N, C-alpha and C. Protein backbone atom coordinates (compact mmCIF):
# COMPACT_ATOMS: atom_id res chain seq x y z
N UNK A 1 189.22 188.97 194.81
CA UNK A 1 188.43 189.11 193.60
C UNK A 1 187.97 189.98 193.47
N UNK A 2 188.33 190.49 192.18
CA UNK A 2 186.95 191.94 191.93
C UNK A 2 185.95 191.69 190.89
N UNK A 3 184.68 191.50 191.14
CA UNK A 3 183.90 191.24 190.40
C UNK A 3 183.35 192.41 189.70
N UNK A 4 182.92 192.45 188.20
CA UNK A 4 181.93 193.51 188.07
C UNK A 4 180.53 193.21 188.32
N UNK A 5 179.96 194.02 188.64
CA UNK A 5 178.59 194.13 188.89
C UNK A 5 177.43 194.63 187.51
N UNK A 6 176.43 193.90 187.69
CA UNK A 6 175.98 194.57 186.15
C UNK A 6 174.24 194.83 186.73
N UNK A 7 173.78 195.69 186.05
CA UNK A 7 172.54 196.14 186.93
C UNK A 7 171.46 196.07 185.78
N UNK A 8 170.33 195.69 186.20
CA UNK A 8 169.17 195.98 184.79
C UNK A 8 168.28 196.54 185.87
N UNK A 9 167.73 198.00 185.19
CA UNK A 9 166.50 198.72 185.90
C UNK A 9 166.99 199.22 187.43
N UNK A 10 168.37 199.16 187.27
CA UNK A 10 168.76 199.91 188.69
C UNK A 10 168.84 198.64 189.78
N UNK A 11 168.76 197.22 189.23
CA UNK A 11 169.02 196.54 190.36
C UNK A 11 170.15 195.66 190.05
N UNK A 12 170.95 195.18 191.12
CA UNK A 12 172.06 194.32 190.60
C UNK A 12 171.69 193.12 190.20
N UNK A 13 171.99 192.13 189.08
CA UNK A 13 171.67 191.47 188.38
C UNK A 13 172.25 190.17 188.34
N UNK A 14 173.51 190.51 187.66
CA UNK A 14 174.60 189.85 187.57
C UNK A 14 176.49 190.08 188.21
N UNK A 15 177.17 189.34 188.48
CA UNK A 15 178.14 189.77 188.61
C UNK A 15 179.11 188.74 187.99
N UNK A 16 180.08 189.44 187.40
CA UNK A 16 181.24 188.70 186.61
C UNK A 16 182.33 188.79 187.30
N UNK A 17 182.94 187.60 187.21
CA UNK A 17 184.38 187.18 188.35
C UNK A 17 185.29 186.80 187.36
N UNK A 18 186.76 187.52 187.39
CA UNK A 18 187.77 186.60 186.75
C UNK A 18 187.73 185.26 186.58
N UNK A 19 187.76 184.53 185.42
CA UNK A 19 187.75 183.01 185.11
C UNK A 19 188.77 182.73 186.18
N UNK A 20 189.76 183.05 186.72
CA UNK A 20 190.41 182.18 187.48
C UNK A 20 190.17 181.81 189.18
N UNK A 21 189.15 182.93 189.29
CA UNK A 21 188.48 183.04 190.60
C UNK A 21 187.59 182.17 190.39
N UNK A 22 186.86 181.86 189.36
CA UNK A 22 185.75 180.95 188.81
C UNK A 22 186.14 179.68 189.29
N UNK A 23 187.41 179.38 188.36
CA UNK A 23 188.11 178.00 188.58
C UNK A 23 188.33 177.85 189.88
N UNK A 24 189.04 178.42 190.82
CA UNK A 24 189.29 178.31 192.14
C UNK A 24 187.95 177.84 193.22
N UNK A 25 187.31 178.73 192.97
CA UNK A 25 185.56 178.73 193.86
C UNK A 25 185.26 177.02 193.22
N UNK A 26 185.22 176.92 191.73
CA UNK A 26 184.78 175.41 191.50
C UNK A 26 185.52 174.23 192.19
N UNK A 27 186.84 174.33 192.17
CA UNK A 27 187.45 173.43 193.09
C UNK A 27 187.29 173.58 194.47
N UNK A 28 186.95 174.82 195.26
CA UNK A 28 186.67 174.82 196.32
C UNK A 28 185.34 174.01 197.11
N UNK A 29 184.72 174.51 195.93
CA UNK A 29 183.01 173.60 196.17
C UNK A 29 183.33 172.18 196.18
N UNK A 30 184.17 171.53 195.19
CA UNK A 30 184.31 170.13 195.08
C UNK A 30 184.95 169.63 196.32
N UNK A 31 186.13 170.34 196.69
CA UNK A 31 186.69 169.92 197.90
C UNK A 31 185.56 169.61 199.05
N UNK A 32 184.65 170.61 199.17
CA UNK A 32 183.69 171.04 200.08
C UNK A 32 182.82 169.77 199.82
N UNK A 33 182.14 169.55 199.00
CA UNK A 33 181.22 168.28 198.65
C UNK A 33 181.91 167.19 198.97
N UNK A 34 183.16 166.72 198.39
CA UNK A 34 183.85 165.74 199.00
C UNK A 34 183.86 165.57 200.65
N UNK A 35 184.26 166.55 201.09
CA UNK A 35 184.35 166.25 202.79
C UNK A 35 183.19 165.92 203.30
N UNK A 36 181.94 166.32 202.65
CA UNK A 36 180.89 166.14 203.04
C UNK A 36 180.34 164.38 202.73
N UNK A 37 180.68 164.10 201.73
CA UNK A 37 180.65 162.59 201.49
C UNK A 37 181.63 161.99 202.47
N UNK A 38 182.25 162.47 202.88
CA UNK A 38 183.59 161.82 203.67
C UNK A 38 182.72 161.85 205.05
N UNK A 39 182.75 162.76 205.64
CA UNK A 39 181.82 162.72 206.82
C UNK A 39 180.83 162.14 206.76
N UNK A 40 179.82 161.92 206.02
CA UNK A 40 178.63 161.23 206.17
C UNK A 40 179.13 159.49 205.89
N UNK A 41 180.13 159.29 205.07
CA UNK A 41 180.36 158.01 205.19
C UNK A 41 181.08 157.46 206.13
N UNK A 42 181.64 158.26 206.92
CA UNK A 42 182.40 158.11 208.16
C UNK A 42 181.40 157.88 209.10
N UNK A 43 180.28 158.40 209.01
CA UNK A 43 179.34 158.17 210.38
C UNK A 43 178.57 157.42 210.10
N UNK A 44 178.51 156.60 208.98
CA UNK A 44 177.71 155.72 208.78
C UNK A 44 177.81 154.39 209.51
N UNK A 45 177.17 153.82 210.13
CA UNK A 45 177.63 152.46 211.04
C UNK A 45 178.00 151.62 210.15
N UNK A 46 177.47 151.17 209.17
CA UNK A 46 178.08 150.03 208.33
C UNK A 46 179.56 149.95 207.90
N UNK A 47 180.16 151.33 207.78
CA UNK A 47 181.54 151.85 207.54
C UNK A 47 182.47 151.54 208.90
N UNK A 48 181.87 151.71 210.10
CA UNK A 48 182.84 151.47 211.10
C UNK A 48 183.21 150.17 211.40
N UNK A 49 182.64 149.17 211.15
CA UNK A 49 183.00 147.88 211.59
C UNK A 49 184.03 147.55 210.49
N UNK A 50 185.15 146.77 211.16
CA UNK A 50 186.53 146.41 209.87
C UNK A 50 186.08 144.98 210.03
N UNK A 51 186.94 144.53 208.81
CA UNK A 51 187.25 143.08 208.56
C UNK A 51 188.92 142.76 208.50
N UNK A 52 188.89 141.64 208.47
CA UNK A 52 190.33 141.00 208.67
C UNK A 52 190.60 140.98 207.24
N UNK A 53 192.21 141.32 206.91
CA UNK A 53 192.40 141.16 205.38
C UNK A 53 192.08 139.69 204.90
N UNK A 54 192.49 138.73 205.33
CA UNK A 54 192.24 137.16 205.11
C UNK A 54 190.78 137.42 204.45
N UNK A 55 189.68 137.83 205.33
CA UNK A 55 188.51 137.40 205.02
C UNK A 55 188.09 138.42 203.77
N UNK A 56 188.70 139.39 203.43
CA UNK A 56 188.31 140.19 202.28
C UNK A 56 189.07 139.40 201.05
N UNK A 57 190.21 138.89 201.38
CA UNK A 57 191.09 137.97 200.05
C UNK A 57 190.33 136.95 199.68
N UNK A 58 189.65 136.10 200.69
CA UNK A 58 188.85 134.87 200.39
C UNK A 58 187.51 135.34 199.77
N UNK A 59 187.25 136.65 199.77
CA UNK A 59 185.57 136.97 199.68
C UNK A 59 185.87 137.56 198.13
N UNK A 60 186.99 137.77 197.76
CA UNK A 60 187.35 138.11 196.57
C UNK A 60 188.06 137.06 195.57
N UNK A 61 188.21 136.21 196.24
CA UNK A 61 188.45 135.00 195.41
C UNK A 61 190.00 135.25 195.15
N UNK A 62 190.92 135.93 196.15
CA UNK A 62 192.27 136.21 195.60
C UNK A 62 193.33 135.09 196.26
N UNK A 63 192.97 134.20 196.66
CA UNK A 63 193.55 133.01 197.55
C UNK A 63 194.20 132.04 196.34
N UNK A 64 195.35 131.96 196.58
CA UNK A 64 196.15 131.15 195.72
C UNK A 64 195.84 129.58 195.88
N UNK A 65 195.50 128.84 194.39
CA UNK A 65 194.77 127.46 194.25
C UNK A 65 196.07 126.67 194.78
């Protein structure tokens, strides 16, 4: 990545980056936040108790009549 630095009154104010680098950074940030959500969900005690498939089918009303 080769950013272009724009200064204002002698101080660095902005960094302009190539669009492809911007898109890559956006995707990596999304992946990072997805990973944080996954880790949070996995650590939640409510998500650690499993249920039998037949219980879920019955709860959703998917049983044959």
